[in-house]
Structures are given as structure tokens and as C-alpha cells.
Protein backbone atom coordinates (compact mmCIF):
# COMPACT_ATOMS: atom_id res chain seq x y z
CA MET A 1 -0.01 -0.04 -0.02
CA VAL A 2 2.82 2.38 0.83
CA VAL A 3 4.73 1.43 -2.42
CA ASP A 4 1.43 2.19 -4.36
CA LYS A 5 1.33 5.70 -3.00
CA GLN A 6 4.98 6.36 -3.56
CA ASP A 7 4.58 5.08 -7.27
CA GLN A 8 1.39 7.38 -7.52
CA TRP A 9 3.29 10.31 -6.18
CA PHE A 10 6.34 9.61 -8.48
CA ALA A 11 3.98 9.28 -11.47
CA GLU A 12 2.53 12.59 -10.54
CA LEU A 13 5.83 14.23 -9.91
CA GLU A 14 7.06 13.02 -13.27
CA GLN A 15 3.97 14.08 -15.09
CA GLU A 16 4.36 17.63 -13.46
CA ASN A 17 8.08 17.68 -14.49
CA ASN A 18 7.25 16.80 -18.02
CA GLU A 19 4.62 19.58 -18.22
CA ARG A 20 7.11 22.02 -16.90
CA LEU A 21 9.70 20.76 -19.41
CA ALA A 22 7.02 21.34 -22.22
CA GLU A 23 6.40 24.75 -21.01
CA LEU A 24 10.16 25.70 -20.73
CA GLU A 25 10.65 24.39 -24.33
CA ILE A 26 7.64 26.30 -25.59
CA ALA A 27 9.18 29.55 -23.69
CA MET A 28 12.62 28.98 -25.14
CA GLN A 29 11.22 28.60 -28.66
CA GLU A 30 9.15 31.90 -28.16
CA GLU A 31 12.45 33.52 -26.95
CA ASP A 32 14.36 32.46 -29.88
CA ARG A 33 11.74 33.63 -32.29
CA LEU A 34 11.62 37.26 -30.49
CA HIS A 35 15.48 37.10 -30.71
CA ALA A 36 15.32 36.51 -34.42
CA ILE A 37 12.85 39.46 -34.91
CA LYS A 38 14.76 41.75 -32.72
CA SER A 39 18.06 40.86 -34.54
CA ALA A 40 16.47 41.52 -37.88
CA LYS A 41 15.01 44.86 -36.75
CA ILE A 42 18.51 45.99 -35.54
CA LYS A 43 20.05 44.73 -38.73
CA VAL A 44 17.48 46.91 -40.92
CA LYS A 45 18.04 49.78 -38.54
CA THR A 46 21.95 49.52 -38.99
CA GLU A 47 21.49 49.30 -42.63
CA LYS A 48 19.33 52.61 -42.69
CA SER A 49 21.71 54.24 -40.63
CA ALA A 50 24.64 53.43 -42.57
CA ALA A 51 22.68 54.65 -45.58
CA PHE A 52 21.61 57.82 -44.13
CA GLN A 53 25.30 58.69 -42.91
CA ALA A 54 26.44 57.89 -46.44
CA LYS A 55 23.98 60.15 -47.94
CA HIS A 56 24.03 63.02 -45.35
CA PRO A 57 27.49 62.87 -43.71
CA ARG A 58 27.44 66.45 -42.50
CA LEU A 59 23.98 65.99 -40.77
CA SER A 60 25.14 62.96 -39.09
CA PHE A 61 28.13 64.61 -37.99
CA LEU A 62 25.78 67.47 -36.43
CA LYS A 63 23.60 64.94 -35.09
CA ARG A 64 26.40 62.88 -33.44
CA TYR A 65 28.18 66.03 -31.79
CA SER A 66 24.96 68.36 -31.34
CA LEU A 67 25.51 68.62 -27.31
CA ILE A 68 29.31 69.77 -27.83
CA ILE A 69 28.35 72.23 -30.68
CA ILE A 70 25.53 73.71 -28.51
CA MET A 71 28.11 74.00 -25.49
CA LEU A 72 30.65 75.72 -27.72
CA LEU A 73 27.89 78.08 -29.14
CA SER A 74 26.70 78.92 -25.66
CA LEU A 75 30.33 79.57 -24.62
CA CYS A 76 30.93 81.73 -27.47
CA VAL A 77 27.82 83.79 -26.74
CA THR A 78 28.84 84.09 -23.10
CA VAL A 79 32.32 85.25 -23.93
CA GLY A 80 31.17 87.53 -26.52
CA PHE A 81 28.70 89.16 -24.05
CA ASN A 82 31.25 89.48 -21.32
CA ALA A 83 33.55 91.17 -23.92
CA VAL A 84 31.21 93.62 -24.84
CA MET A 85 30.13 94.43 -21.34
CA PHE A 86 33.93 94.81 -20.37
CA LEU A 87 34.69 97.01 -23.31
CA GLU A 88 31.62 99.51 -22.39
């Protein structure tokens, strides 16, 4: 009688384990599919970026260094304002 309960318990445990393995397999397949979609999107994005940079190199330069350019322009305005105020 104890052996039957143990066998039944092991059978239920094995069945639960198989269900979890099946769910894990499905989740891994879904993850692989999503990874393939994301990598395809990234590939398309890099190709578009490369094409844009080849077509508009100056604009891509401005886009890349916009923060530095804005800081330099504000510095020039500040220095110019201080020079005008000092000279008056």
C-alpha cells in the first residue's frame, strides 16, 4: 500500500516535471523567435543608419556632436557678451 502511494506520487511528480519541461521548451522557442525578430530589426536599423550617414555625412556629424556644438555656441555667446560688457 505504501509502495502504491509512492509510485503514484512519483508518477504525478514525473508528469508535473514533463509539463514544466514542455512549458520551458515552448518559452525557449518563443524567446528564440523574439530574438530573431529583434536581430532582424537591429540589422535593418543599422543598414538604414549606414545609408543615411552615407547620404548625409554632415547632418550625421551634427547629430552626433550636437551637445558639444551647443555647448561651444553658448560659450561663445557668453564670452562675447562678457567682452562687450567689459569694453563698455
